[in-house]
Amino acid sequence: MIHFTLASSSHWLIAVIVSTWLGNHYVMIVILGWLLGGFWAVSSGLAIHEAAHHLVLKGRWPACLAGLVAEMP
């Protein structure tokens, strides 16, 4: 669960940092989005898949909560 929370929060944090620091440098934003966003997209997809099989946490509701956190980005 901690991994999913860190991945989700770091995704949001980097989006805010990139948008404030780079401003109108759209080429750099696209390159960073492609490089970093791909990692988080695959990581979130894997987390959602594992939560669907109840392999993240024991029980149905904790696994659903983990899946919701993983889907936030």
Protein backbone atom coordinates (compact mmCIF):
# COMPACT_ATOMS: atom_id res chain seq x y z
CA MET A 1 0.00 0.00 0.00
CA ILE A 2 2.85 2.37 0.77
CA HIS A 3 4.31 1.86 -2.72
CA PHE A 4 1.02 2.83 -4.35
CA THR A 5 0.62 5.89 -2.17
CA LEU A 6 4.16 7.05 -2.89
CA ALA A 7 3.76 6.46 -6.61
CA SER A 8 0.47 8.38 -6.70
CA SER A 9 1.68 11.29 -4.62
CA SER A 10 4.99 11.56 -6.47
CA HIS A 11 3.12 11.58 -9.78
CA TRP A 12 1.03 14.53 -8.65
CA LEU A 13 4.06 16.30 -7.13
CA ILE A 14 6.14 16.02 -10.30
CA ALA A 15 3.20 17.28 -12.38
CA VAL A 16 2.98 20.39 -10.20
CA ILE A 17 6.75 20.95 -10.21
CA VAL A 18 7.05 20.54 -13.97
CA SER A 19 4.13 22.86 -14.65
CA THR A 20 5.49 25.61 -12.39
CA TRP A 21 9.17 25.36 -13.34
CA LEU A 22 8.88 24.76 -17.06
CA GLY A 23 5.86 26.95 -17.76
CA ASN A 24 5.58 27.18 -21.55
CA HIS A 25 8.39 24.78 -22.49
CA TYR A 26 6.03 22.27 -24.02
CA VAL A 27 8.72 20.11 -25.63
CA MET A 28 10.37 19.44 -22.24
CA ILE A 29 6.98 18.80 -20.65
CA VAL A 30 6.17 16.22 -23.34
CA ILE A 31 9.56 14.52 -22.98
CA LEU A 32 9.32 14.35 -19.19
CA GLY A 33 5.72 13.18 -19.41
CA TRP A 34 6.70 10.42 -21.80
CA LEU A 35 9.67 9.25 -19.75
CA LEU A 36 8.28 9.56 -16.24
CA GLY A 37 4.62 9.06 -17.03
CA GLY A 38 5.29 5.73 -18.67
CA PHE A 39 6.88 4.42 -15.51
CA TRP A 40 3.98 5.50 -13.33
CA ALA A 41 1.39 4.27 -15.80
CA VAL A 42 2.86 0.77 -15.82
CA SER A 43 3.33 0.83 -12.05
CA SER A 44 -0.26 1.92 -11.47
CA GLY A 45 -1.56 -0.68 -13.92
CA LEU A 46 0.32 -3.40 -12.11
CA ALA A 47 -0.95 -2.17 -8.75
CA ILE A 48 -4.54 -2.15 -9.99
CA HIS A 49 -4.14 -5.65 -11.40
CA GLU A 50 -2.70 -7.02 -8.17
CA ALA A 51 -5.39 -5.29 -6.10
CA ALA A 52 -8.06 -6.90 -8.28
CA HIS A 53 -6.71 -10.32 -7.31
CA HIS A 54 -6.55 -9.35 -3.60
CA LEU A 55 -2.78 -9.85 -3.56
CA VAL A 56 -1.91 -6.40 -2.22
CA LEU A 57 -3.70 -6.56 1.12
CA LYS A 58 -5.74 -9.24 2.84
CA GLY A 59 -9.48 -8.77 2.55
CA ARG A 60 -11.79 -7.32 -0.03
CA TRP A 61 -12.15 -3.72 1.19
CA PRO A 62 -8.46 -3.05 1.85
CA ALA A 63 -7.68 -4.37 -1.64
CA CYS A 64 -10.38 -2.12 -3.12
CA LEU A 65 -8.91 0.85 -1.26
CA ALA A 66 -5.45 0.02 -2.60
CA GLY A 67 -6.89 -0.18 -6.12
CA LEU A 68 -8.55 3.23 -5.71
CA VAL A 69 -5.31 4.80 -4.52
CA ALA A 70 -3.46 3.21 -7.43
CA GLU A 71 -6.00 4.63 -9.90
CA MET A 72 -5.68 8.23 -8.66
CA PRO A 73 -2.95 9.36 -11.07
